[in-house]
């Protein structure tokens, strides 16, 4: 298992925080869903590349459509997000950004629902 340094961990946290703020308040693309969460950022040790994991929750039956539209909007806005990260965080090198879809929040919600169903069935 790869160990990350304390400095790299702090940089990852700051990139995730700034990216979430930029998506929420500065990106005005209509394809971006209403509930977009930046789960985490992973930067390579040489600071050249960064994967930003994003979770998207959509409207009921339009879940897949919302996710695809949001990911397309984020990929087309990668340059804007990278430029804003460079302006806000003072790094020697601003990493190339790749947005990755992360369904961990959605998975957790599904598991919670199943656990609640099992518990309510056991109580009857």
Protein backbone atom coordinates (compact mmCIF):
# COMPACT_ATOMS: atom_id res chain seq x y z
CA UNK A 1 0.00 0.00 0.00
CA UNK A 2 1.34 3.38 -1.01
CA UNK A 3 1.90 5.92 1.77
CA UNK A 4 1.24 9.55 1.10
CA UNK A 5 3.10 12.27 2.88
CA UNK A 6 1.41 14.71 5.21
CA UNK A 7 2.10 17.52 2.73
CA UNK A 8 0.51 15.62 -0.15
CA UNK A 9 -2.50 14.78 2.02
CA UNK A 10 -2.96 18.47 2.86
CA UNK A 11 -2.63 19.43 -0.82
CA UNK A 12 -5.20 16.77 -1.81
CA UNK A 13 -7.63 18.06 0.82
CA UNK A 14 -7.16 21.65 -0.30
CA UNK A 15 -7.61 20.76 -3.99
CA UNK A 16 -10.82 18.88 -3.13
CA UNK A 17 -12.12 21.82 -1.07
CA UNK A 18 -11.31 24.44 -3.73
CA UNK A 19 -12.75 22.26 -6.52
CA UNK A 20 -16.01 21.80 -4.61
CA UNK A 21 -16.25 25.56 -4.08
CA UNK A 22 -15.53 26.32 -7.76
CA UNK A 23 -18.12 23.77 -8.96
CA UNK A 24 -20.74 25.05 -6.54
CA UNK A 25 -20.33 28.78 -6.98
CA UNK A 26 -18.47 29.54 -10.21
CA UNK A 27 -19.46 26.93 -12.80
CA UNK A 28 -22.76 27.89 -14.38
CA UNK A 29 -23.13 25.00 -16.83
CA UNK A 30 -26.78 23.85 -16.93
CA UNK A 31 -25.66 20.22 -17.34
CA UNK A 32 -24.24 20.15 -13.81
CA UNK A 33 -26.64 18.40 -11.45
CA UNK A 34 -27.98 20.01 -8.31
CA UNK A 35 -26.15 17.68 -5.91
CA UNK A 36 -22.47 17.30 -6.83
CA UNK A 37 -20.01 16.24 -4.14
CA UNK A 38 -16.24 16.17 -4.44
CA UNK A 39 -15.38 12.98 -2.56
CA UNK A 40 -11.59 13.23 -2.66
CA UNK A 41 -8.59 14.25 -4.73
CA UNK A 42 -5.54 12.08 -5.39
CA UNK A 43 -2.40 13.81 -6.62
CA UNK A 44 0.64 11.93 -7.85
CA UNK A 45 3.80 12.37 -5.80
CA UNK A 46 5.41 14.47 -8.56
CA UNK A 47 2.34 16.80 -8.55
CA UNK A 48 1.81 16.45 -12.31
CA UNK A 49 -1.55 14.69 -12.28
CA UNK A 50 -4.60 14.81 -10.04
CA UNK A 51 -7.73 12.65 -10.10
CA UNK A 52 -10.73 14.32 -8.54
CA UNK A 53 -13.44 11.86 -7.52
CA UNK A 54 -16.95 13.28 -7.86
CA UNK A 55 -20.30 11.87 -6.77
CA UNK A 56 -23.49 13.01 -8.47
CA UNK A 57 -26.98 12.43 -7.14
CA UNK A 58 -29.75 12.93 -9.66
CA UNK A 59 -33.52 13.08 -9.86
CA UNK A 60 -35.16 9.67 -9.47
CA UNK A 61 -35.52 8.23 -12.98
CA UNK A 62 -33.06 10.71 -14.50
CA UNK A 63 -30.14 9.51 -12.35
CA UNK A 64 -27.96 8.22 -15.22
CA UNK A 65 -28.77 11.18 -17.45
CA UNK A 66 -27.86 13.65 -14.70
CA UNK A 67 -24.62 11.82 -13.94
CA UNK A 68 -23.54 11.70 -17.57
CA UNK A 69 -24.40 15.36 -18.17
CA UNK A 70 -22.55 16.46 -15.05
CA UNK A 71 -19.44 14.44 -15.89
CA UNK A 72 -19.46 15.84 -19.45
CA UNK A 73 -19.76 19.39 -18.08
CA UNK A 74 -16.93 18.83 -15.61
CA UNK A 75 -14.66 17.35 -18.28
CA UNK A 76 -15.28 20.32 -20.57
CA UNK A 77 -14.63 22.71 -17.67
CA UNK A 78 -11.39 21.05 -16.57
CA UNK A 79 -9.24 23.96 -17.79
CA UNK A 80 -11.36 26.48 -15.90
CA UNK A 81 -11.17 24.45 -12.67
CA UNK A 82 -7.40 23.98 -13.06
CA UNK A 83 -6.89 27.71 -13.60
CA UNK A 84 -8.97 28.57 -10.52
CA UNK A 85 -6.99 26.05 -8.43
CA UNK A 86 -3.76 27.68 -9.63
CA UNK A 87 -5.08 31.13 -8.67
CA UNK A 88 -6.32 30.08 -5.21
CA UNK A 89 -3.67 27.56 -4.12
CA UNK A 90 -0.07 28.67 -4.39
CA UNK A 91 1.64 25.59 -5.86
CA UNK A 92 4.83 25.47 -7.87
CA UNK A 93 3.14 23.16 -10.38
CA UNK A 94 -0.62 22.93 -10.84
CA UNK A 95 -1.48 19.31 -11.68
CA UNK A 96 -3.38 18.19 -14.77
CA UNK A 97 -6.90 17.36 -13.61
CA UNK A 98 -9.04 14.35 -14.44
CA UNK A 99 -12.57 14.01 -13.08
CA UNK A 100 -13.59 10.47 -12.09
CA UNK A 101 -17.13 9.39 -11.25
CA UNK A 102 -17.41 7.91 -7.74
CA UNK A 103 -20.61 6.12 -6.77
CA UNK A 104 -19.64 5.44 -3.12
CA UNK A 105 -22.26 7.84 -1.68
CA UNK A 106 -24.98 6.33 -3.85
CA UNK A 107 -23.85 2.83 -2.86
CA UNK A 108 -23.93 3.78 0.83
CA UNK A 109 -27.47 5.13 0.48
CA UNK A 110 -28.59 1.89 -1.21
CA UNK A 111 -27.00 -0.21 1.55
CA UNK A 112 -28.63 1.94 4.25
CA UNK A 113 -32.02 1.47 2.59
CA UNK A 114 -31.55 -2.30 2.44
CA UNK A 115 -30.47 -2.44 6.11
CA UNK A 116 -33.51 -0.38 7.11
CA UNK A 117 -35.79 -2.74 5.14
CA UNK A 118 -34.29 -5.78 6.87
CA UNK A 119 -34.60 -4.15 10.28
CA UNK A 120 -38.22 -3.10 9.71
CA UNK A 121 -39.05 -6.65 8.52
CA UNK A 122 -37.47 -8.16 11.66
CA UNK A 123 -39.51 -5.88 13.93
CA UNK A 124 -42.86 -7.07 12.48
